[in-house]
Amino acid sequence: MKKPDLNITPFVDIMLVLLAILMVSVTVTTYQEKNINLPEGSKTTPAIKKATITIVIPNSKYVIVNSQKMPIENFLENFNLKYGNYNKNSLVYIAADKNIKYDTFMKVYSGVIKNGFTQIGLLTK
């Protein structure tokens, strides 16, 4: 009598699809800004914590950090000079226009992480 073979390829494919769906559907805090076109998020109650650092990325040319405009090319250096001495447990909110390039967002996000901040919130409307 022949033993049946176990093919796990379809199972792995289904798990990868479910993982991708889970990654896309992660909820974030709700935020409203008039001058920026944020992507849609889930309908949850907004977080009531006051941010120490708020970063807005309205386009691919500049970034606004706590109402101070700085060019995207020098973001890491400027952010490090201005906020490098802040408490690394400070809350950082990042609001990015949904039409900016992913590369622009990741430059800002990784710059915040490289400076040692760990409590980062991504904002949606």
Protein backbone atom coordinates (compact mmCIF):
# COMPACT_ATOMS: atom_id res chain seq x y z
CA MET A 1 0.00 0.00 0.00
CA LYS A 2 1.35 3.43 -1.01
CA LYS A 3 1.70 6.16 1.67
CA PRO A 4 0.06 9.51 0.79
CA ASP A 5 2.36 12.52 0.20
CA LEU A 6 1.85 15.69 2.22
CA ASN A 7 2.04 18.81 0.05
CA ILE A 8 2.35 21.94 2.23
CA THR A 9 2.84 24.44 -0.62
CA PRO A 10 -0.86 25.51 -0.75
CA PHE A 11 -0.86 25.93 3.04
CA VAL A 12 2.23 28.17 2.91
CA ASP A 13 0.67 30.24 0.09
CA ILE A 14 -2.51 30.80 2.12
CA MET A 15 -0.52 31.77 5.22
CA LEU A 16 1.54 34.31 3.23
CA VAL A 17 -1.66 35.90 1.86
CA LEU A 18 -3.14 36.07 5.37
CA LEU A 19 0.09 37.62 6.67
CA ALA A 20 -0.01 40.27 3.93
CA ILE A 21 -3.66 41.09 4.76
CA LEU A 22 -2.78 41.38 8.45
CA MET A 23 0.13 43.71 7.73
CA VAL A 24 -2.04 46.00 5.58
CA SER A 25 -4.90 46.16 8.08
CA VAL A 26 -2.91 47.25 11.16
CA THR A 27 -4.74 50.10 12.87
CA VAL A 28 -3.18 53.44 13.76
CA THR A 29 -4.38 56.59 15.51
CA THR A 30 -6.80 58.97 13.86
CA TYR A 31 -5.60 62.47 12.97
CA GLN A 32 -7.06 65.40 11.03
CA GLU A 33 -5.04 68.04 9.20
CA LYS A 34 -6.43 70.56 6.72
CA ASN A 35 -3.31 71.01 4.57
CA ILE A 36 -2.42 67.35 4.14
CA ASN A 37 -4.19 64.51 2.34
CA LEU A 38 -3.80 61.57 4.76
CA PRO A 39 -4.61 57.98 3.78
CA GLU A 40 -7.76 56.39 5.18
CA GLY A 41 -7.41 54.38 8.38
CA SER A 42 -9.75 52.48 10.63
CA LYS A 43 -12.55 54.23 12.49
CA THR A 44 -11.16 54.14 16.02
CA THR A 45 -11.09 56.59 18.88
CA PRO A 46 -8.15 58.96 18.62
CA ALA A 47 -5.33 58.68 21.11
CA ILE A 48 -5.48 61.43 23.74
CA LYS A 49 -1.74 61.59 24.42
CA LYS A 50 0.02 64.87 23.61
CA ALA A 51 2.92 64.40 21.20
CA THR A 52 6.24 65.92 22.03
CA ILE A 53 7.35 65.79 18.41
CA THR A 54 4.95 66.03 15.45
CA ILE A 55 6.32 65.44 11.96
CA VAL A 56 4.23 66.33 8.89
CA ILE A 57 5.32 65.28 5.38
CA PRO A 58 3.08 67.28 2.98
CA ASN A 59 5.17 66.58 -0.15
CA SER A 60 8.51 65.16 -1.24
CA LYS A 61 10.44 68.44 -0.94
CA TYR A 62 10.23 69.36 2.74
CA VAL A 63 9.19 68.14 6.19
CA ILE A 64 7.55 70.13 9.00
CA VAL A 65 8.78 69.18 12.48
CA ASN A 66 6.90 70.94 15.32
CA SER A 67 5.95 73.80 12.94
CA GLN A 68 9.55 74.17 11.68
CA LYS A 69 10.08 73.54 7.96
CA MET A 70 13.21 71.64 6.88
CA PRO A 71 14.29 70.22 3.48
CA ILE A 72 13.90 66.46 3.04
CA GLU A 73 17.50 66.09 1.79
CA ASN A 74 18.97 67.21 5.14
CA PHE A 75 16.26 65.75 7.37
CA LEU A 76 18.48 63.29 9.28
CA GLU A 77 21.15 65.89 10.08
CA ASN A 78 18.66 68.64 11.01
CA PHE A 79 16.52 66.29 13.11
CA ASN A 80 19.58 64.97 14.92
CA LEU A 81 20.84 68.50 15.70
CA LYS A 82 17.48 69.79 16.91
CA TYR A 83 16.00 66.71 18.66
CA GLY A 84 19.02 64.50 19.38
CA ASN A 85 19.01 65.50 23.08
CA TYR A 86 15.28 64.84 23.60
CA ASN A 87 14.10 62.03 25.87
CA LYS A 88 14.09 58.92 23.66
CA ASN A 89 10.80 57.82 25.26
CA SER A 90 9.08 60.92 23.86
CA LEU A 91 6.07 60.28 21.66
CA VAL A 92 6.64 61.03 17.96
CA TYR A 93 3.70 61.37 15.53
CA ILE A 94 4.32 61.15 11.78
CA ALA A 95 1.61 62.38 9.38
CA ALA A 96 2.45 61.78 5.72
CA ASP A 97 0.43 62.78 2.66
CA LYS A 98 -0.88 59.66 0.94
CA ASN A 99 0.56 60.80 -2.42
CA ILE A 100 4.22 61.02 -1.33
CA LYS A 101 6.71 58.37 -2.39
CA TYR A 102 7.34 55.48 -0.03
CA ASP A 103 11.04 56.28 -0.20
CA THR A 104 10.39 59.78 1.21
CA PHE A 105 8.36 58.39 4.11
CA MET A 106 11.00 55.76 4.91
CA LYS A 107 13.77 58.39 4.91
CA VAL A 108 11.90 60.30 7.64
CA TYR A 109 10.80 57.18 9.56
CA SER A 110 14.28 55.65 9.59
CA GLY A 111 15.76 59.03 10.59
CA VAL A 112 13.53 59.08 13.67
CA ILE A 113 14.49 55.49 14.54
CA LYS A 114 18.22 56.19 14.01
CA ASN A 115 17.93 58.97 16.59
CA GLY A 116 16.76 56.39 19.14
CA PHE A 117 13.04 57.21 19.39
CA THR A 118 10.92 54.12 19.96
CA GLN A 119 7.38 55.44 20.51
CA ILE A 120 6.34 56.40 16.98
CA GLY A 121 2.72 56.82 15.89
CA LEU A 122 1.62 56.90 12.24
CA LEU A 123 -1.39 59.17 11.72
CA THR A 124 -4.40 58.74 9.41
CA LYS A 125 -7.74 60.52 9.05
